[in-house]
Amino acid sequence: MMLNQPETQMTEAFPTLFSPIKLGPLTLRNRIAMAPLTRQMADADGTSTGEMVAYNSRRARGGVGLIITEGTYEQNAYQSRAYLSQPGIANAKTAGRLGKNL
């Protein structure tokens, strides 16, 4: 089948890619995964923003079966942040807001 076929026929050209798969306790709707990207959309304290939620939601609505989010820092001590506006899971505030992305 030609790759320049209408999108509605992609499921016929690549049936395995668009079929569900079980990954541990999760069942993904397809085998399309989005690799982690550094977006720098968190607040200065590492709290997730509405922009982050909207960004991931758009990709999920677009058909991605698995979204691997960007790296998060797990503690405020020891300079564990790698870059500005990196999301964190170092405290209840940052971890709780990040959960809205899930």
PDB file of N, CA and C in Angstrom:
ATOM      1  N   MET A   1       0.839  -1.175   0.000  1.00  0.00           N
ATOM      2  CA  MET A   1       0.000   0.000   0.000  1.00  0.00           C
ATOM      3  C   MET A   1       0.887   1.243   0.000  1.00  0.00           C
ATOM      4  N   MET A   2       0.514   2.266  -0.718  1.00  0.00           N
ATOM      5  CA  MET A   2       1.297   3.504  -0.824  1.00  0.00           C
ATOM      6  C   MET A   2       1.162   4.329   0.455  1.00  0.00           C
ATOM      7  N   LEU A   3       2.257   4.974   0.863  1.00  0.00           N
ATOM      8  CA  LEU A   3       2.227   5.790   2.067  1.00  0.00           C
ATOM      9  C   LEU A   3       1.501   7.102   1.881  1.00  0.00           C
ATOM     10  N   ASN A   4       1.283   7.540   0.644  1.00  0.00           N
ATOM     11  CA  ASN A   4       0.586   8.807   0.422  1.00  0.00           C
ATOM     12  C   ASN A   4      -0.933   8.638   0.358  1.00  0.00           C
ATOM     13  N   GLN A   5      -1.420   7.520   0.859  1.00  0.00           N
ATOM     14  CA  GLN A   5      -2.858   7.269   0.919  1.00  0.00           C
ATOM     15  C   GLN A   5      -3.487   8.173   1.967  1.00  0.00           C
ATOM     16  N   PRO A   6      -4.786   8.434   1.885  1.00  0.00           N
ATOM     17  CA  PRO A   6      -5.458   9.237   2.919  1.00  0.00           C
ATOM     18  C   PRO A   6      -5.249   8.641   4.306  1.00  0.00           C
ATOM     19  N   GLU A   7      -5.265   9.486   5.312  1.00  0.00           N
ATOM     20  CA  GLU A   7      -5.005   9.071   6.692  1.00  0.00           C
ATOM     21  C   GLU A   7      -5.942   7.962   7.159  1.00  0.00           C
ATOM     22  N   THR A   8      -7.164   7.951   6.666  1.00  0.00           N
ATOM     23  CA  THR A   8      -8.126   6.941   7.098  1.00  0.00           C
ATOM     24  C   THR A   8      -7.666   5.531   6.731  1.00  0.00           C
ATOM     25  N   GLN A   9      -6.728   5.408   5.791  1.00  0.00           N
ATOM     26  CA  GLN A   9      -6.253   4.095   5.387  1.00  0.00           C
ATOM     27  C   GLN A   9      -4.928   3.711   6.049  1.00  0.00           C
ATOM     28  N   MET A  10      -4.378   4.578   6.881  1.00  0.00           N
ATOM     29  CA  MET A  10      -3.125   4.261   7.559  1.00  0.00           C
ATOM     30  C   MET A  10      -3.288   3.045   8.462  1.00  0.00           C
ATOM     31  N   THR A  11      -4.453   2.894   9.072  1.00  0.00           N
ATOM     32  CA  THR A  11      -4.671   1.732   9.939  1.00  0.00           C
ATOM     33  C   THR A  11      -4.626   0.438   9.133  1.00  0.00           C
ATOM     34  N   GLU A  12      -4.978   0.511   7.861  1.00  0.00           N
ATOM     35  CA  GLU A  12      -4.896  -0.670   7.008  1.00  0.00           C
ATOM     36  C   GLU A  12      -3.454  -0.939   6.580  1.00  0.00           C
ATOM     37  N   ALA A  13      -2.692   0.127   6.341  1.00  0.00           N
ATOM     38  CA  ALA A  13      -1.301  -0.035   5.918  1.00  0.00           C
ATOM     39  C   ALA A  13      -0.407  -0.513   7.059  1.00  0.00           C
ATOM     40  N   PHE A  14      -0.715  -0.083   8.280  1.00  0.00           N
ATOM     41  CA  PHE A  14       0.095  -0.420   9.451  1.00  0.00           C
ATOM     42  C   PHE A  14      -0.789  -0.926  10.587  1.00  0.00           C
ATOM     43  N   PRO A  15      -1.427  -2.071  10.414  1.00  0.00           N
ATOM     44  CA  PRO A  15      -2.381  -2.533  11.432  1.00  0.00           C
ATOM     45  C   PRO A  15      -1.757  -2.759  12.804  1.00  0.00           C
ATOM     46  N   THR A  16      -0.522  -3.226  12.864  1.00  0.00           N
ATOM     47  CA  THR A  16       0.111  -3.470  14.166  1.00  0.00           C
ATOM     48  C   THR A  16       0.383  -2.156  14.883  1.00  0.00           C
ATOM     49  N   LEU A  17       0.864  -1.146  14.164  1.00  0.00           N
ATOM     50  CA  LEU A  17       1.164   0.155  14.753  1.00  0.00           C
ATOM     51  C   LEU A  17      -0.066   0.772  15.411  1.00  0.00           C
ATOM     52  N   PHE A  18      -1.213   0.599  14.807  1.00  0.00           N
ATOM     53  CA  PHE A  18      -2.438   1.209  15.314  1.00  0.00           C
ATOM     54  C   PHE A  18      -3.275   0.280  16.189  1.00  0.00           C
ATOM     55  N   SER A  19      -2.733  -0.879  16.525  1.00  0.00           N
ATOM     56  CA  SER A  19      -3.471  -1.802  17.391  1.00  0.00           C
ATOM     57  C   SER A  19      -3.091  -1.583  18.848  1.00  0.00           C
ATOM     58  N   PRO A  20      -4.004  -1.877  19.773  1.00  0.00           N
ATOM     59  CA  PRO A  20      -3.706  -1.722  21.203  1.00  0.00           C
ATOM     60  C   PRO A  20      -2.585  -2.659  21.641  1.00  0.00           C
ATOM     61  N   ILE A  21      -1.915  -2.280  22.722  1.00  0.00           N
ATOM     62  CA  ILE A  21      -0.866  -3.110  23.293  1.00  0.00           C
ATOM     63  C   ILE A  21      -0.899  -2.959  24.808  1.00  0.00           C
ATOM     64  N   LYS A  22      -0.640  -4.042  25.501  1.00  0.00           N
ATOM     65  CA  LYS A  22      -0.595  -4.025  26.962  1.00  0.00           C
ATOM     66  C   LYS A  22       0.838  -3.759  27.396  1.00  0.00           C
ATOM     67  N   LEU A  23       1.015  -2.771  28.271  1.00  0.00           N
ATOM     68  CA  LEU A  23       2.323  -2.391  28.804  1.00  0.00           C
ATOM     69  C   LEU A  23       2.201  -2.411  30.321  1.00  0.00           C
ATOM     70  N   GLY A  24       2.600  -3.519  30.921  1.00  0.00           N
ATOM     71  CA  GLY A  24       2.395  -3.688  32.356  1.00  0.00           C
ATOM     72  C   GLY A  24       0.902  -3.642  32.657  1.00  0.00           C
ATOM     73  N   PRO A  25       0.483  -2.806  33.611  1.00  0.00           N
ATOM     74  CA  PRO A  25      -0.937  -2.720  33.945  1.00  0.00           C
ATOM     75  C   PRO A  25      -1.733  -1.819  32.999  1.00  0.00           C
ATOM     76  N   LEU A  26      -1.050  -1.153  32.059  1.00  0.00           N
ATOM     77  CA  LEU A  26      -1.718  -0.225  31.149  1.00  0.00           C
ATOM     78  C   LEU A  26      -2.035  -0.873  29.817  1.00  0.00           C
ATOM     79  N   THR A  27      -3.124  -0.459  29.218  1.00  0.00           N
ATOM     80  CA  THR A  27      -3.413  -0.838  27.843  1.00  0.00           C
ATOM     81  C   THR A  27      -3.382   0.433  27.019  1.00  0.00           C
ATOM     82  N   LEU A  28      -2.420   0.511  26.097  1.00  0.00           N
ATOM     83  CA  LEU A  28      -2.289   1.675  25.227  1.00  0.00           C
ATOM     84  C   LEU A  28      -3.167   1.484  24.007  1.00  0.00           C
ATOM     85  N   ARG A  29      -3.760   2.559  23.518  1.00  0.00           N
ATOM     86  CA  ARG A  29      -4.681   2.428  22.386  1.00  0.00           C
ATOM     87  C   ARG A  29      -3.967   2.142  21.075  1.00  0.00           C
ATOM     88  N   ASN A  30      -2.661   2.441  21.012  1.00  0.00           N
ATOM     89  CA  ASN A  30      -1.852   2.126  19.838  1.00  0.00           C
ATOM     90  C   ASN A  30      -0.388   2.081  20.262  1.00  0.00           C
ATOM     91  N   ARG A  31       0.510   1.870  19.313  1.00  0.00           N
ATOM     92  CA  ARG A  31       1.935   1.717  19.625  1.00  0.00           C
ATOM     93  C   ARG A  31       2.739   2.962  19.250  1.00  0.00           C
ATOM     94  N   ILE A  32       2.071   4.086  19.153  1.00  0.00           N
ATOM     95  CA  ILE A  32       2.737   5.349  18.836  1.00  0.00           C
ATOM     96  C   ILE A  32       3.139   6.014  20.141  1.00  0.00           C
ATOM     97  N   ALA A  33       4.431   6.280  20.288  1.00  0.00           N
ATOM     98  CA  ALA A  33       4.944   6.897  21.513  1.00  0.00           C
ATOM     99  C   ALA A  33       5.645   8.206  21.178  1.00  0.00           C
ATOM    100  N   MET A  34       5.489   9.175  22.058  1.00  0.00           N
ATOM    101  CA  MET A  34       6.173  10.457  21.908  1.00  0.00           C
ATOM    102  C   MET A  34       7.328  10.482  22.892  1.00  0.00           C
ATOM    103  N   ALA A  35       8.528  10.663  22.370  1.00  0.00           N
ATOM    104  CA  ALA A  35       9.731  10.705  23.202  1.00  0.00           C
ATOM    105  C   ALA A  35       9.711  11.942  24.094  1.00  0.00           C
ATOM    106  N   PRO A  36      10.471  11.925  25.188  1.00  0.00           N
ATOM    107  CA  PRO A  36      10.513  13.096  26.068  1.00  0.00           C
ATOM    108  C   PRO A  36      11.150  14.291  25.367  1.00  0.00           C
ATOM    109  N   LEU A  37      10.546  15.448  25.561  1.00  0.00           N
ATOM    110  CA  LEU A  37      11.034  16.695  24.981  1.00  0.00           C
ATOM    111  C   LEU A  37      11.207  17.719  26.093  1.00  0.00           C
ATOM    112  N   THR A  38      12.266  18.487  26.044  1.00  0.00           N
ATOM    113  CA  THR A  38      12.483  19.544  27.027  1.00  0.00           C
ATOM    114  C   THR A  38      11.733  20.784  26.541  1.00  0.00           C
ATOM    115  N   ARG A  39      10.639  21.138  27.229  1.00  0.00           N
ATOM    116  CA  ARG A  39       9.787  22.245  26.784  1.00  0.00           C
ATOM    117  C   ARG A  39       9.967  23.499  27.628  1.00  0.00           C
ATOM    118  N   GLN A  40      10.439  23.353  28.855  1.00  0.00           N
ATOM    119  CA  GLN A  40      10.642  24.481  29.759  1.00  0.00           C
ATOM    120  C   GLN A  40       9.367  25.316  29.924  1.00  0.00           C
ATOM    121  N   MET A  41       8.279  24.674  30.261  1.00  0.00           N
ATOM    122  CA  MET A  41       7.000  25.358  30.434  1.00  0.00           C
ATOM    123  C   MET A  41       6.560  25.462  31.886  1.00  0.00           C
ATOM    124  N   ALA A  42       7.326  24.926  32.832  1.00  0.00           N
ATOM    125  CA  ALA A  42       6.943  24.975  34.244  1.00  0.00           C
ATOM    126  C   ALA A  42       7.205  26.365  34.813  1.00  0.00           C
ATOM    127  N   ASP A  43       6.549  26.655  35.928  1.00  0.00           N
ATOM    128  CA  ASP A  43       6.834  27.896  36.646  1.00  0.00           C
ATOM    129  C   ASP A  43       8.258  27.834  37.191  1.00  0.00           C
ATOM    130  N   ALA A  44       8.762  28.975  37.661  1.00  0.00           N
ATOM    131  CA  ALA A  44      10.136  29.046  38.187  1.00  0.00           C
ATOM    132  C   ALA A  44      10.376  28.070  39.338  1.00  0.00           C
ATOM    133  N   ASP A  45       9.318  27.772  40.131  1.00  0.00           N
ATOM    134  CA  ASP A  45       9.483  26.839  41.259  1.00  0.00           C
ATOM    135  C   ASP A  45       9.283  25.378  40.861  1.00  0.00           C
ATOM    136  N   GLY A  46       9.078  25.112  39.571  1.00  0.00           N
ATOM    137  CA  GLY A  46       8.910  23.743  39.094  1.00  0.00           C
ATOM    138  C   GLY A  46       7.476  23.265  39.016  1.00  0.00           C
ATOM    139  N   THR A  47       6.532  24.143  39.340  1.00  0.00           N
ATOM    140  CA  THR A  47       5.120  23.770  39.293  1.00  0.00           C
ATOM    141  C   THR A  47       4.633  23.725  37.842  1.00  0.00           C
ATOM    142  N   SER A  48       3.911  22.666  37.497  1.00  0.00           N
ATOM    143  CA  SER A  48       3.345  22.541  36.149  1.00  0.00           C
ATOM    144  C   SER A  48       2.366  23.667  35.883  1.00  0.00           C
ATOM    145  N   THR A  49       2.252  24.032  34.636  1.00  0.00           N
ATOM    146  CA  THR A  49       1.355  25.105  34.229  1.00  0.00           C
ATOM    147  C   THR A  49       0.221  24.570  33.358  1.00  0.00           C
ATOM    148  N   GLY A  50      -0.775  25.375  33.176  1.00  0.00           N
ATOM    149  CA  GLY A  50      -1.864  25.021  32.272  1.00  0.00           C
ATOM    150  C   GLY A  50      -1.372  24.801  30.855  1.00  0.00           C
ATOM    151  N   GLU A  51      -0.318  25.532  30.489  1.00  0.00           N
ATOM    152  CA  GLU A  51       0.273  25.374  29.164  1.00  0.00           C
ATOM    153  C   GLU A  51       0.825  23.958  28.973  1.00  0.00           C
ATOM    154  N   MET A  52       1.425  23.400  30.033  1.00  0.00           N
ATOM    155  CA  MET A  52       1.942  22.030  29.961  1.00  0.00           C
ATOM    156  C   MET A  52       0.807  21.022  29.786  1.00  0.00           C
ATOM    157  N   VAL A  53      -0.260  21.216  30.546  1.00  0.00           N
ATOM    158  CA  VAL A  53      -1.412  20.322  30.450  1.00  0.00           C
ATOM    159  C   VAL A  53      -2.003  20.384  29.040  1.00  0.00           C
ATOM    160  N   ALA A  54      -2.157  21.597  28.512  1.00  0.00           N
ATOM    161  CA  ALA A  54      -2.717  21.770  27.169  1.00  0.00           C
ATOM    162  C   ALA A  54      -1.818  21.127  26.110  1.00  0.00           C
ATOM    163  N   TYR A  55      -0.519  21.286  26.254  1.00  0.00           N
ATOM    164  CA  TYR A  55       0.456  20.723  25.308  1.00  0.00           C
ATOM    165  C   TYR A  55       0.312  19.203  25.235  1.00  0.00           C
ATOM    166  N   ASN A  56       0.329  18.553  26.399  1.00  0.00           N
ATOM    167  CA  ASN A  56       0.210  17.092  26.416  1.00  0.00           C
ATOM    168  C   ASN A  56      -1.171  16.630  25.989  1.00  0.00           C
ATOM    169  N   SER A  57      -2.199  17.383  26.330  1.00  0.00           N
ATOM    170  CA  SER A  57      -3.564  17.027  25.935  1.00  0.00           C
ATOM    171  C   SER A  57      -3.724  17.054  24.420  1.00  0.00           C
ATOM    172  N   ARG A  58      -3.128  18.053  23.778  1.00  0.00           N
ATOM    173  CA  ARG A  58      -3.213  18.128  22.310  1.00  0.00           C
ATOM    174  C   ARG A  58      -2.575  16.906  21.670  1.00  0.00           C
ATOM    175  N   ARG A  59      -1.447  16.470  22.189  1.00  0.00           N
ATOM    176  CA  ARG A  59      -0.793  15.292  21.621  1.00  0.00           C
ATOM    177  C   ARG A  59      -1.611  14.027  21.863  1.00  0.00           C
ATOM    178  N   ALA A  60      -2.208  13.917  23.028  1.00  0.00           N
ATOM    179  CA  ALA A  60      -3.047  12.748  23.320  1.00  0.00           C
ATOM    180  C   ALA A  60      -4.273  12.723  22.411  1.00  0.00           C
ATOM    181  N   ARG A  61      -4.909  13.868  22.227  1.00  0.00           N
ATOM    182  CA  ARG A  61      -6.066  13.933  21.316  1.00  0.00           C
ATOM    183  C   ARG A  61      -5.669  13.634  19.882  1.00  0.00           C
ATOM    184  N   GLY A  62      -4.421  13.946  19.526  1.00  0.00           N
ATOM    185  CA  GLY A  62      -3.935  13.699  18.173  1.00  0.00           C
ATOM    186  C   GLY A  62      -3.673  12.234  17.878  1.00  0.00           C
ATOM    187  N   GLY A  63      -3.717  11.380  18.890  1.00  0.00           N
ATOM    188  CA  GLY A  63      -3.604   9.947  18.654  1.00  0.00           C
ATOM    189  C   GLY A  63      -2.398   9.266  19.257  1.00  0.00           C
ATOM    190  N   VAL A  64      -1.543   9.994  19.977  1.00  0.00           N
ATOM    191  CA  VAL A  64      -0.369   9.363  20.583  1.00  0.00           C
ATOM    192  C   VAL A  64      -0.824   8.410  21.686  1.00  0.00           C
ATOM    193  N   GLY A  65      -0.336   7.179  21.637  1.00  0.00           N
ATOM    194  CA  GLY A  65      -0.732   6.181  22.626  1.00  0.00           C
ATOM    195  C   GLY A  65       0.013   6.298  23.937  1.00  0.00           C
ATOM    196  N   LEU A  66       1.266   6.796  23.904  1.00  0.00           N
ATOM    197  CA  LEU A  66       2.090   6.925  25.103  1.00  0.00           C
ATOM    198  C   LEU A  66       2.890   8.217  25.001  1.00  0.00           C
ATOM    199  N   ILE A  67       2.806   9.051  26.013  1.00  0.00           N
ATOM    200  CA  ILE A  67       3.585  10.284  26.065  1.00  0.00           C
ATOM    201  C   ILE A  67       4.564  10.164  27.222  1.00  0.00           C
ATOM    202  N   ILE A  68       5.853  10.249  26.907  1.00  0.00           N
ATOM    203  CA  ILE A  68       6.893  10.231  27.928  1.00  0.00           C
ATOM    204  C   ILE A  68       7.235  11.692  28.202  1.00  0.00           C
ATOM    205  N   THR A  69       6.911  12.163  29.405  1.00  0.00           N
ATOM    206  CA  THR A  69       7.114  13.577  29.710  1.00  0.00           C
ATOM    207  C   THR A  69       8.586  13.888  29.921  1.00  0.00           C
ATOM    208  N   GLU A  70       8.893  15.171  29.951  1.00  0.00           N
ATOM    209  CA  GLU A  70      10.281  15.586  30.128  1.00  0.00           C
ATOM    210  C   GLU A  70      10.805  15.246  31.516  1.00  0.00           C
ATOM    211  N   GLY A  71      12.106  15.335  31.678  1.00  0.00           N
ATOM    212  CA  GLY A  71      12.731  15.032  32.956  1.00  0.00           C
ATOM    213  C   GLY A  71      12.250  15.947  34.062  1.00  0.00           C
ATOM    214  N   THR A  72      12.075  15.396  35.239  1.00  0.00           N
ATOM    215  CA  THR A  72      11.656  16.176  36.409  1.00  0.00           C
ATOM    216  C   THR A  72      12.730  16.064  37.486  1.00  0.00           C
ATOM    217  N   TYR A  73      12.808  17.068  38.341  1.00  0.00           N
ATOM    218  CA  TYR A  73      13.756  16.971  39.452  1.00  0.00           C
ATOM    219  C   TYR A  73      13.007  16.493  40.686  1.00  0.00           C
ATOM    220  N   GLU A  74      13.699  15.714  41.510  1.00  0.00           N
ATOM    221  CA  GLU A  74      13.021  15.079  42.647  1.00  0.00           C
ATOM    222  C   GLU A  74      13.317  15.701  43.994  1.00  0.00           C
ATOM    223  N   GLN A  75      14.251  16.631  44.062  1.00  0.00           N
ATOM    224  CA  GLN A  75      14.526  17.291  45.339  1.00  0.00           C
ATOM    225  C   GLN A  75      15.032  18.706  45.087  1.00  0.00           C
ATOM    226  N   ASN A  76      14.789  19.570  46.057  1.00  0.00           N
ATOM    227  CA  ASN A  76      15.223  20.954  45.928  1.00  0.00           C
ATOM    228  C   ASN A  76      16.695  21.125  46.307  1.00  0.00           C
ATOM    229  N   ALA A  77      17.232  20.241  47.121  1.00  0.00           N
ATOM    230  CA  ALA A  77      18.619  20.339  47.579  1.00  0.00           C
ATOM    231  C   ALA A  77      19.588  19.824  46.512  1.00  0.00           C
ATOM    232  N   TYR A  78      20.836  20.108  46.704  1.00  0.00           N
ATOM    233  CA  TYR A  78      21.920  19.572  45.877  1.00  0.00           C
ATOM    234  C   TYR A  78      21.841  19.978  44.409  1.00  0.00           C
ATOM    235  N   GLN A  79      21.231  21.089  44.133  1.00  0.00           N
ATOM    236  CA  GLN A  79      21.137  21.600  42.763  1.00  0.00           C
ATOM    237  C   GLN A  79      20.684  20.516  41.784  1.00  0.00           C
ATOM    238  N   SER A  80      19.588  19.863  42.093  1.00  0.00           N
ATOM    239  CA  SER A  80      19.139  18.747  41.264  1.00  0.00           C
ATOM    240  C   SER A  80      18.428  19.175  39.986  1.00  0.00           C
ATOM    241  N   ARG A  81      18.159  20.455  39.830  1.00  0.00           N
ATOM    242  CA  ARG A  81      17.536  20.919  38.583  1.00  0.00           C
ATOM    243  C   ARG A  81      18.572  20.972  37.464  1.00  0.00           C
ATOM    244  N   ALA A  82      18.163  20.550  36.300  1.00  0.00           N
ATOM    245  CA  ALA A  82      19.087  20.532  35.162  1.00  0.00           C
ATOM    246  C   ALA A  82      18.964  21.784  34.302  1.00  0.00           C
ATOM    247  N   TYR A  83      17.777  22.435  34.301  1.00  0.00           N
ATOM    248  CA  TYR A  83      17.564  23.594  33.440  1.00  0.00           C
ATOM    249  C   TYR A  83      16.437  24.450  33.991  1.00  0.00           C
ATOM    250  N   LEU A  84      16.344  25.681  33.523  1.00  0.00           N
ATOM    251  CA  LEU A  84      15.299  26.605  33.958  1.00  0.00           C
ATOM    252  C   LEU A  84      13.915  26.089  33.576  1.00  0.00           C
ATOM    253  N   SER A  85      12.953  26.364  34.406  1.00  0.00           N
ATOM    254  CA  SER A  85      11.554  25.985  34.162  1.00  0.00           C
ATOM    255  C   SER A  85      11.372  24.479  33.987  1.00  0.00           C
ATOM    256  N   GLN A  86      12.193  23.699  34.665  1.00  0.00           N
ATOM    257  CA  GLN A  86      12.062  22.242  34.652  1.00  0.00           C
ATOM    258  C   GLN A  86      10.970  21.853  35.644  1.00  0.00           C
ATOM    259  N   PRO A  87      10.040  20.976  35.259  1.00  0.00           N
ATOM    260  CA  PRO A  87       9.023  20.554  36.214  1.00  0.00           C
ATOM    261  C   PRO A  87       9.633  19.701  37.330  1.00  0.00           C
ATOM    262  N   GLY A  88       9.043  19.807  38.504  1.00  0.00           N
ATOM    263  CA  GLY A  88       9.566  19.079  39.646  1.00  0.00           C
ATOM    264  C   GLY A  88       8.548  18.173  40.304  1.00  0.00           C
ATOM    265  N   ILE A  89       9.064  17.240  41.086  1.00  0.00           N
ATOM    266  CA  ILE A  89       8.240  16.376  41.938  1.00  0.00           C
ATOM    267  C   ILE A  89       8.827  16.398  43.342  1.00  0.00           C
ATOM    268  N   ALA A  90       9.473  17.534  43.705  1.00  0.00           N
ATOM    269  CA  ALA A  90      10.201  17.652  44.960  1.00  0.00           C
ATOM    270  C   ALA A  90       9.313  17.887  46.176  1.00  0.00           C
ATOM    271  N   ASN A  91       8.085  18.314  45.962  1.00  0.00           N
ATOM    272  CA  ASN A  91       7.186  18.570  47.088  1.00  0.00           C
ATOM    273  C   ASN A  91       5.746  18.350  46.644  1.00  0.00           C
ATOM    274  N   ALA A  92       4.835  18.430  47.576  1.00  0.00           N
ATOM    275  CA  ALA A  92       3.425  18.144  47.286  1.00  0.00           C
ATOM    276  C   ALA A  92       2.853  19.093  46.231  1.00  0.00           C
ATOM    277  N   LYS A  93       3.258  20.358  46.262  1.00  0.00           N
ATOM    278  CA  LYS A  93       2.728  21.329  45.301  1.00  0.00           C
ATOM    279  C   LYS A  93       3.139  20.981  43.874  1.00  0.00           C
ATOM    280  N   THR A  94       4.442  20.765  43.660  1.00  0.00           N
ATOM    281  CA  THR A  94       4.889  20.486  42.300  1.00  0.00           C
ATOM    282  C   THR A  94       4.431  19.112  41.822  1.00  0.00           C
ATOM    283  N   ALA A  95       4.499  18.125  42.675  1.00  0.00           N
ATOM    284  CA  ALA A  95       4.079  16.780  42.286  1.00  0.00           C
ATOM    285  C   ALA A  95       2.578  16.711  42.008  1.00  0.00           C
ATOM    286  N   GLY A  96       1.797  17.413  42.811  1.00  0.00           N
ATOM    287  CA  GLY A  96       0.348  17.411  42.628  1.00  0.00           C
ATOM    288  C   GLY A  96      -0.080  18.048  41.320  1.00  0.00           C
ATOM    289  N   ARG A  97       0.536  19.154  40.977  1.00  0.00           N
ATOM    290  CA  ARG A  97       0.202  19.822  39.725  1.00  0.00           C
ATOM    291  C   ARG A  97       0.671  19.007  38.514  1.00  0.00           C
ATOM    292  N   LEU A  98       1.820  18.349  38.629  1.00  0.00           N
ATOM    293  CA  LEU A  98       2.317  17.539  37.529  1.00  0.00           C
ATOM    294  C   LEU A  98       1.348  16.404  37.216  1.00  0.00           C
ATOM    295  N   GLY A  99       0.680  15.891  38.258  1.00  0.00           N
ATOM    296  CA  GLY A  99      -0.291  14.817  38.059  1.00  0.00           C
ATOM    297  C   GLY A  99      -1.431  15.183  37.133  1.00  0.00           C
ATOM    298  N   LYS A 100      -1.714  16.473  36.971  1.00  0.00           N
ATOM    299  CA  LYS A 100      -2.767  16.902  36.042  1.00  0.00           C
ATOM    300  C   LYS A 100      -2.381  16.615  34.611  1.00  0.00           C
ATOM    301  N   ASN A 101      -1.094  16.405  34.349  1.00  0.00           N
ATOM    302  CA  ASN A 101      -0.636  16.068  33.012  1.00  0.00           C
ATOM    303  C   ASN A 101      -0.856  14.601  32.689  1.00  0.00           C
ATOM    304  N   LEU A 102      -1.131  13.794  33.701  1.00  0.00           N
ATOM    305  CA  LEU A 102      -1.227  12.361  33.488  1.00  0.00           C
ATOM    306  C   LEU A 102      -2.603  11.944  33.074  1.00  0.00           C
TER     307      LEU A 102
END
